[in-house]
Every structure is written in C-alpha cells, then in structure tokens.
N, C-alpha and C. Protein backbone atom coordinates (compact mmCIF):
# COMPACT_ATOMS: atom_id res chain seq x y z
N UNK A 1 -17.42 87.41 -184.68
CA UNK A 1 -18.46 87.67 -183.72
C UNK A 1 -18.80 89.14 -183.66
N UNK A 2 -17.84 90.02 -183.85
CA UNK A 2 -18.10 91.45 -183.75
C UNK A 2 -18.76 91.97 -185.02
N UNK A 3 -19.37 93.11 -184.90
CA UNK A 3 -20.01 93.74 -186.04
C UNK A 3 -19.05 94.76 -186.63
N UNK A 4 -18.60 94.57 -187.86
CA UNK A 4 -17.65 95.51 -188.45
C UNK A 4 -18.21 96.93 -188.45
N UNK A 5 -17.37 97.88 -188.14
CA UNK A 5 -17.78 99.26 -188.17
C UNK A 5 -18.38 99.76 -186.87
N UNK A 6 -18.69 98.88 -185.96
CA UNK A 6 -19.25 99.31 -184.69
C UNK A 6 -18.14 99.64 -183.71
N UNK A 7 -18.49 100.40 -182.70
CA UNK A 7 -17.53 100.98 -181.78
C UNK A 7 -16.62 99.97 -181.10
N UNK A 8 -17.11 98.80 -180.76
CA UNK A 8 -16.34 97.92 -179.91
C UNK A 8 -15.58 96.82 -180.64
N UNK A 9 -15.77 96.65 -181.92
CA UNK A 9 -15.01 95.65 -182.65
C UNK A 9 -15.36 94.23 -182.25
N UNK A 10 -14.37 93.35 -182.25
CA UNK A 10 -14.59 91.94 -181.97
C UNK A 10 -14.95 91.73 -180.51
N UNK A 11 -16.02 91.00 -180.28
CA UNK A 11 -16.52 90.77 -178.93
C UNK A 11 -16.30 89.32 -178.52
N UNK A 12 -16.15 89.12 -177.23
CA UNK A 12 -16.02 87.80 -176.66
C UNK A 12 -17.00 87.69 -175.51
N UNK A 13 -17.65 86.55 -175.41
CA UNK A 13 -18.63 86.34 -174.36
C UNK A 13 -18.12 85.26 -173.42
N UNK A 14 -18.08 85.57 -172.15
CA UNK A 14 -17.63 84.63 -171.13
C UNK A 14 -18.77 84.34 -170.17
N UNK A 15 -19.07 83.07 -169.96
CA UNK A 15 -20.10 82.71 -168.99
C UNK A 15 -19.48 82.53 -167.61
N UNK A 16 -20.25 82.92 -166.59
CA UNK A 16 -19.83 82.65 -165.22
C UNK A 16 -19.83 81.15 -164.99
N UNK A 17 -19.15 80.75 -163.90
CA UNK A 17 -19.06 79.31 -163.61
C UNK A 17 -20.44 78.68 -163.43
N UNK A 18 -21.38 79.41 -162.80
CA UNK A 18 -22.71 78.85 -162.58
C UNK A 18 -23.61 78.94 -163.82
N UNK A 19 -23.15 79.67 -164.85
CA UNK A 19 -23.89 79.76 -166.10
C UNK A 19 -25.06 80.70 -166.08
N UNK A 20 -25.23 81.48 -165.01
CA UNK A 20 -26.38 82.37 -164.90
C UNK A 20 -26.15 83.76 -165.50
N UNK A 21 -24.92 84.10 -165.81
CA UNK A 21 -24.63 85.42 -166.36
C UNK A 21 -23.47 85.31 -167.34
N UNK A 22 -23.36 86.32 -168.18
CA UNK A 22 -22.26 86.36 -169.14
C UNK A 22 -21.71 87.78 -169.17
N UNK A 23 -20.40 87.88 -169.33
CA UNK A 23 -19.76 89.18 -169.49
C UNK A 23 -19.36 89.34 -170.95
N UNK A 24 -19.62 90.50 -171.49
CA UNK A 24 -19.25 90.80 -172.87
C UNK A 24 -18.00 91.64 -172.81
N UNK A 25 -16.96 91.20 -173.49
CA UNK A 25 -15.68 91.89 -173.43
C UNK A 25 -15.12 92.10 -174.83
N UNK A 26 -14.15 92.99 -174.91
CA UNK A 26 -13.40 93.17 -176.15
C UNK A 26 -11.93 93.19 -175.78
N UNK A 27 -11.10 92.82 -176.72
CA UNK A 27 -9.67 92.88 -176.51
C UNK A 27 -9.18 94.26 -176.91
N UNK A 28 -8.31 94.82 -176.10
CA UNK A 28 -7.76 96.14 -176.39
C UNK A 28 -6.27 96.13 -176.11
N UNK A 29 -5.53 96.96 -176.82
CA UNK A 29 -4.10 97.09 -176.55
C UNK A 29 -3.91 97.96 -175.31
N UNK A 30 -3.10 97.46 -174.40
CA UNK A 30 -2.79 98.22 -173.20
C UNK A 30 -1.71 99.25 -173.46
N UNK A 31 -1.41 100.09 -172.46
CA UNK A 31 -0.42 101.14 -172.65
C UNK A 31 0.98 100.60 -172.97
N UNK A 32 1.28 99.37 -172.55
CA UNK A 32 2.59 98.78 -172.80
C UNK A 32 2.58 97.85 -174.02
N UNK A 33 1.52 97.92 -174.81
CA UNK A 33 1.44 97.11 -176.01
C UNK A 33 0.83 95.74 -175.80
N UNK A 34 0.57 95.34 -174.55
CA UNK A 34 -0.05 94.05 -174.28
C UNK A 34 -1.55 94.11 -174.52
N UNK A 35 -2.19 92.96 -174.53
CA UNK A 35 -3.63 92.90 -174.73
C UNK A 35 -4.34 92.73 -173.39
N UNK A 36 -5.49 93.35 -173.28
CA UNK A 36 -6.31 93.17 -172.09
C UNK A 36 -7.77 93.09 -172.53
N UNK A 37 -8.59 92.45 -171.73
CA UNK A 37 -10.02 92.35 -172.02
C UNK A 37 -10.75 93.39 -171.19
N UNK A 38 -11.47 94.27 -171.87
CA UNK A 38 -12.27 95.29 -171.20
C UNK A 38 -13.72 94.84 -171.18
N UNK A 39 -14.31 94.78 -170.00
CA UNK A 39 -15.72 94.39 -169.90
C UNK A 39 -16.59 95.51 -170.45
N UNK A 40 -17.54 95.17 -171.26
CA UNK A 40 -18.47 96.14 -171.84
C UNK A 40 -19.80 96.05 -171.10
N UNK A 41 -20.27 94.86 -170.89
CA UNK A 41 -21.58 94.68 -170.27
C UNK A 41 -21.64 93.33 -169.58
N UNK A 42 -22.55 93.22 -168.67
CA UNK A 42 -22.82 91.95 -168.00
C UNK A 42 -24.32 91.72 -168.15
N UNK A 43 -24.68 90.53 -168.53
CA UNK A 43 -26.10 90.25 -168.71
C UNK A 43 -26.50 88.97 -168.01
N UNK A 44 -27.69 88.99 -167.47
CA UNK A 44 -28.25 87.81 -166.82
C UNK A 44 -28.80 86.89 -167.91
N UNK A 45 -28.55 85.60 -167.77
CA UNK A 45 -29.05 84.63 -168.75
C UNK A 45 -30.32 84.02 -168.18
N UNK A 46 -31.47 84.30 -168.80
CA UNK A 46 -32.73 83.80 -168.26
C UNK A 46 -32.89 82.30 -168.44
N UNK A 47 -33.82 81.75 -167.71
CA UNK A 47 -34.16 80.34 -167.86
C UNK A 47 -35.37 80.27 -168.78
N UNK A 48 -35.46 79.44 -169.80
CA UNK A 48 -34.41 78.51 -170.15
C UNK A 48 -33.19 79.23 -170.71
N UNK A 49 -32.09 78.58 -170.59
CA UNK A 49 -30.81 79.19 -170.97
C UNK A 49 -30.78 79.57 -172.45
N UNK A 50 -30.12 80.68 -172.72
CA UNK A 50 -29.94 81.09 -174.10
C UNK A 50 -28.81 80.28 -174.73
N UNK A 51 -28.90 80.08 -176.01
CA UNK A 51 -27.82 79.40 -176.72
C UNK A 51 -26.65 80.36 -176.87
N UNK A 52 -25.49 79.81 -177.18
CA UNK A 52 -24.31 80.66 -177.40
C UNK A 52 -24.55 81.63 -178.56
N UNK A 53 -25.25 81.17 -179.61
CA UNK A 53 -25.56 82.06 -180.74
C UNK A 53 -26.43 83.22 -180.30
N UNK A 54 -27.42 82.95 -179.42
CA UNK A 54 -28.28 84.03 -178.94
C UNK A 54 -27.50 85.02 -178.08
N UNK A 55 -26.62 84.51 -177.24
CA UNK A 55 -25.80 85.38 -176.40
C UNK A 55 -24.88 86.23 -177.28
N UNK A 56 -24.30 85.63 -178.30
CA UNK A 56 -23.44 86.38 -179.22
C UNK A 56 -24.22 87.46 -179.96
N UNK A 57 -25.46 87.18 -180.30
CA UNK A 57 -26.30 88.21 -180.96
C UNK A 57 -26.53 89.38 -180.01
N UNK A 58 -26.82 89.09 -178.74
CA UNK A 58 -26.98 90.17 -177.76
C UNK A 58 -25.69 90.96 -177.61
N UNK A 59 -24.56 90.28 -177.64
CA UNK A 59 -23.27 90.97 -177.52
C UNK A 59 -23.07 91.93 -178.69
N UNK A 60 -23.40 91.50 -179.90
CA UNK A 60 -23.28 92.38 -181.05
C UNK A 60 -24.24 93.56 -180.94
N UNK A 61 -25.42 93.32 -180.37
CA UNK A 61 -26.37 94.41 -180.18
C UNK A 61 -25.83 95.43 -179.17
N UNK A 62 -25.20 94.97 -178.08
CA UNK A 62 -24.57 95.88 -177.12
C UNK A 62 -23.51 96.73 -177.82
N UNK A 63 -22.71 96.11 -178.66
CA UNK A 63 -21.63 96.82 -179.33
C UNK A 63 -22.16 97.85 -180.32
N UNK A 64 -23.28 97.55 -180.94
CA UNK A 64 -23.84 98.45 -181.95
C UNK A 64 -24.62 99.61 -181.33
N UNK A 65 -25.01 99.51 -180.07
CA UNK A 65 -25.90 100.50 -179.45
C UNK A 65 -25.39 101.95 -179.55
N UNK A 66 -24.11 102.25 -179.29
CA UNK A 66 -23.68 103.66 -179.41
C UNK A 66 -23.84 104.22 -180.82
N UNK A 67 -23.52 103.43 -181.84
CA UNK A 67 -23.70 103.88 -183.22
C UNK A 67 -25.18 104.04 -183.54
N UNK A 68 -26.00 103.10 -183.07
CA UNK A 68 -27.44 103.19 -183.31
C UNK A 68 -28.02 104.45 -182.67
N UNK A 69 -27.53 104.81 -181.49
CA UNK A 69 -28.01 106.03 -180.82
C UNK A 69 -27.64 107.28 -181.62
N UNK A 70 -26.42 107.32 -182.17
CA UNK A 70 -26.02 108.46 -182.99
C UNK A 70 -26.88 108.58 -184.24
N UNK A 71 -27.14 107.47 -184.89
CA UNK A 71 -27.96 107.49 -186.10
C UNK A 71 -29.38 107.92 -185.76
N UNK A 72 -29.93 107.42 -184.65
CA UNK A 72 -31.27 107.82 -184.23
C UNK A 72 -31.32 109.33 -183.97
N UNK A 73 -30.28 109.86 -183.31
CA UNK A 73 -30.24 111.30 -183.06
C UNK A 73 -30.25 112.06 -184.38
N UNK A 74 -29.43 111.63 -185.32
CA UNK A 74 -29.34 112.32 -186.61
C UNK A 74 -30.67 112.26 -187.36
N UNK A 75 -31.34 111.12 -187.33
CA UNK A 75 -32.61 110.98 -188.03
C UNK A 75 -33.69 111.85 -187.39
N UNK A 76 -33.66 111.96 -186.07
CA UNK A 76 -34.69 112.71 -185.36
C UNK A 76 -34.40 114.20 -185.26
N UNK A 77 -33.15 114.56 -185.04
CA UNK A 77 -32.81 115.94 -184.72
C UNK A 77 -32.09 116.70 -185.83
N UNK A 78 -31.38 116.01 -186.68
CA UNK A 78 -30.55 116.70 -187.67
C UNK A 78 -31.12 116.61 -189.09
N UNK A 79 -32.31 116.07 -189.23
CA UNK A 79 -32.90 116.00 -190.55
C UNK A 79 -32.24 115.02 -191.49
N UNK A 80 -31.53 114.06 -190.95
CA UNK A 80 -30.91 113.03 -191.79
C UNK A 80 -32.00 112.09 -192.31
N UNK A 81 -31.67 111.35 -193.35
CA UNK A 81 -32.63 110.37 -193.88
C UNK A 81 -31.87 109.20 -194.48
N UNK A 82 -32.56 108.10 -194.61
CA UNK A 82 -32.02 106.88 -195.23
C UNK A 82 -32.72 106.70 -196.57
N UNK A 83 -31.96 106.54 -197.64
CA UNK A 83 -32.51 106.27 -198.96
C UNK A 83 -32.03 104.90 -199.41
N UNK A 84 -32.94 103.95 -199.43
CA UNK A 84 -32.60 102.57 -199.79
C UNK A 84 -32.40 102.42 -201.29
N UNK A 85 -31.42 101.59 -201.66
CA UNK A 85 -31.20 101.24 -203.06
C UNK A 85 -31.78 99.86 -203.32
N UNK A 86 -31.08 98.87 -202.76
CA UNK A 86 -31.48 97.47 -202.95
C UNK A 86 -30.70 96.60 -201.97
N UNK A 87 -31.22 95.47 -201.65
CA UNK A 87 -30.53 94.46 -200.85
C UNK A 87 -29.83 95.03 -199.62
N UNK A 88 -30.49 95.92 -198.90
CA UNK A 88 -29.91 96.45 -197.67
C UNK A 88 -28.83 97.49 -197.87
N UNK A 89 -28.65 97.97 -199.08
CA UNK A 89 -27.67 99.01 -199.34
C UNK A 89 -28.41 100.32 -199.62
N UNK A 90 -27.71 101.43 -199.39
CA UNK A 90 -28.34 102.71 -199.66
C UNK A 90 -27.45 103.86 -199.25
N UNK A 91 -28.08 105.02 -199.04
CA UNK A 91 -27.36 106.22 -198.67
C UNK A 91 -27.94 106.81 -197.39
N UNK A 92 -27.06 107.18 -196.49
CA UNK A 92 -27.43 107.93 -195.29
C UNK A 92 -27.12 109.38 -195.63
N UNK A 93 -28.16 110.21 -195.70
CA UNK A 93 -28.01 111.59 -196.15
C UNK A 93 -28.12 112.55 -194.96
N UNK A 94 -27.11 113.40 -194.79
CA UNK A 94 -27.12 114.38 -193.71
C UNK A 94 -26.35 115.62 -194.17
N UNK A 95 -26.92 116.77 -193.91
CA UNK A 95 -26.31 118.06 -194.27
C UNK A 95 -25.87 118.11 -195.74
N UNK A 96 -26.70 117.56 -196.62
CA UNK A 96 -26.42 117.63 -198.05
C UNK A 96 -25.37 116.66 -198.55
N UNK A 97 -24.87 115.80 -197.69
CA UNK A 97 -23.86 114.83 -198.10
C UNK A 97 -24.46 113.43 -198.03
N UNK A 98 -24.19 112.64 -199.04
CA UNK A 98 -24.68 111.26 -199.11
C UNK A 98 -23.55 110.31 -198.76
N UNK A 99 -23.80 109.45 -197.79
CA UNK A 99 -22.81 108.46 -197.35
C UNK A 99 -23.31 107.08 -197.74
N UNK A 100 -22.60 106.41 -198.65
CA UNK A 100 -22.97 105.06 -199.07
C UNK A 100 -22.66 104.08 -197.95
N UNK A 101 -23.62 103.26 -197.59
CA UNK A 101 -23.43 102.26 -196.55
C UNK A 101 -24.46 101.16 -196.75
N UNK A 102 -24.56 100.27 -195.80
CA UNK A 102 -25.55 99.20 -195.87
C UNK A 102 -26.18 99.05 -194.49
N UNK A 103 -27.26 98.30 -194.44
CA UNK A 103 -27.91 98.04 -193.17
C UNK A 103 -27.17 96.93 -192.43
N UNK A 104 -27.05 97.07 -191.11
CA UNK A 104 -26.42 96.01 -190.33
C UNK A 104 -27.44 94.92 -190.05
N UNK A 105 -27.07 93.94 -189.27
CA UNK A 105 -27.97 92.81 -189.01
C UNK A 105 -29.21 93.20 -188.24
N UNK A 106 -29.24 94.42 -187.68
CA UNK A 106 -30.39 94.90 -186.91
C UNK A 106 -31.25 95.86 -187.73
N UNK A 107 -30.91 96.05 -189.01
CA UNK A 107 -31.69 96.91 -189.88
C UNK A 107 -31.40 98.39 -189.73
N UNK A 108 -30.21 98.72 -189.20
CA UNK A 108 -29.79 100.11 -189.00
C UNK A 108 -28.59 100.37 -189.90
N UNK A 109 -28.50 101.57 -190.49
CA UNK A 109 -27.33 101.85 -191.34
C UNK A 109 -26.02 101.66 -190.57
N UNK A 110 -25.06 100.98 -191.20
CA UNK A 110 -23.75 100.75 -190.60
C UNK A 110 -22.97 102.06 -190.62
N UNK A 111 -22.48 102.47 -189.47
CA UNK A 111 -21.78 103.74 -189.33
C UNK A 111 -20.44 103.72 -190.05
N UNK A 112 -20.15 104.81 -190.77
CA UNK A 112 -18.84 104.99 -191.39
C UNK A 112 -18.16 106.18 -190.71
N UNK A 113 -16.87 106.33 -190.94
CA UNK A 113 -16.16 107.48 -190.36
C UNK A 113 -16.75 108.80 -190.86
N UNK A 114 -17.11 108.85 -192.13
CA UNK A 114 -17.71 110.06 -192.69
C UNK A 114 -19.04 110.41 -192.05
N UNK A 115 -19.86 109.37 -191.80
CA UNK A 115 -21.15 109.60 -191.13
C UNK A 115 -20.93 110.11 -189.71
N UNK A 116 -19.98 109.48 -189.02
CA UNK A 116 -19.69 109.88 -187.64
C UNK A 116 -19.26 111.35 -187.59
N UNK A 117 -18.40 111.77 -188.53
CA UNK A 117 -17.94 113.16 -188.58
C UNK A 117 -19.09 114.10 -188.90
N UNK A 118 -19.96 113.74 -189.85
CA UNK A 118 -21.08 114.59 -190.21
C UNK A 118 -22.06 114.74 -189.05
N UNK A 119 -22.30 113.68 -188.32
CA UNK A 119 -23.20 113.74 -187.16
C UNK A 119 -22.58 114.62 -186.07
N UNK A 120 -21.30 114.45 -185.84
CA UNK A 120 -20.60 115.29 -184.83
C UNK A 120 -20.69 116.76 -185.22
N UNK A 121 -20.51 117.07 -186.51
CA UNK A 121 -20.60 118.45 -186.97
C UNK A 121 -22.01 119.00 -186.78
N UNK A 122 -23.03 118.20 -187.07
CA UNK A 122 -24.41 118.63 -186.88
C UNK A 122 -24.71 118.89 -185.41
N UNK A 123 -24.18 118.02 -184.54
CA UNK A 123 -24.39 118.21 -183.11
C UNK A 123 -23.73 119.50 -182.64
N UNK A 124 -22.50 119.75 -183.12
CA UNK A 124 -21.78 120.96 -182.73
C UNK A 124 -22.49 122.21 -183.21
N UNK A 125 -23.04 122.19 -184.42
CA UNK A 125 -23.76 123.34 -184.95
C UNK A 125 -25.04 123.59 -184.16
N UNK A 126 -25.67 122.51 -183.71
CA UNK A 126 -26.90 122.63 -182.93
C UNK A 126 -26.67 123.21 -181.55
N UNK A 127 -25.47 123.00 -181.01
CA UNK A 127 -25.15 123.50 -179.67
C UNK A 127 -24.71 124.96 -179.71
N UNK A 128 -24.25 125.41 -180.88
CA UNK A 128 -23.66 126.75 -180.99
C UNK A 128 -24.61 127.85 -181.18
C-alpha cells in the first residue's frame, strides 16, 4: 500500500465506525522496540463513498506530499530539471549531479537519498 521511497513508508487506512472518515497511519518502532501506529492524516469520505482502493490512493498521495514539495522546490528554486529516458525512467539533475530514478504513480520523480541530500545542500547554500 505504501509508496517505496516516500517519507512515510507502508500506510494503513482505518475507517471510523460510522464510515464518514478515515485515518491514515503508519507503523513505527517505539522507544522500547514495540510497534505503534502514528496518525498522519484524517480525511472526510464524501458521499457517495469512496472505494477502499480510492482511499488507499489518497493515503499514498498524503505520504508522497513531503517529497513532492521538495522536488517542486528544487525544480522552481534550485534550477533542477527532469530528463526523461523512457517508460517513466530518467534523471533528476541538480547542481551538476544526475540522479537516476523513475516517476512515481503521480508522475513525480521518486526521491532517492542522493536527491534528498542534494536538495538539502542547495537549500543550505541558498540561505547562506
């Protein structure tokens, strides 16, 4: 259900008893090694009701939003660019470095650790 490479990992969607809302959660290790569910977002389910697949798609979109915001910042402010190869694969280019990746289900480059570090470095240089 989760989108690989995105900030929140595997997501779980829980509907309220009345079925009018759903909470999006992820499992995380607690300080004592146990697992706990951290709520990420709560969404109202409009009428007519959304299917479980539609709710899961929204959950993945919530999880991808922080990475999408970083990529948008880099494309707009840091002079980054996307160079497509084929079949949703390509290179995210920033500060002279090319990061091989692919587009996620929303058509945005999937964030890698290298991309995240390059964007952070660009942001730090811009603030200095």
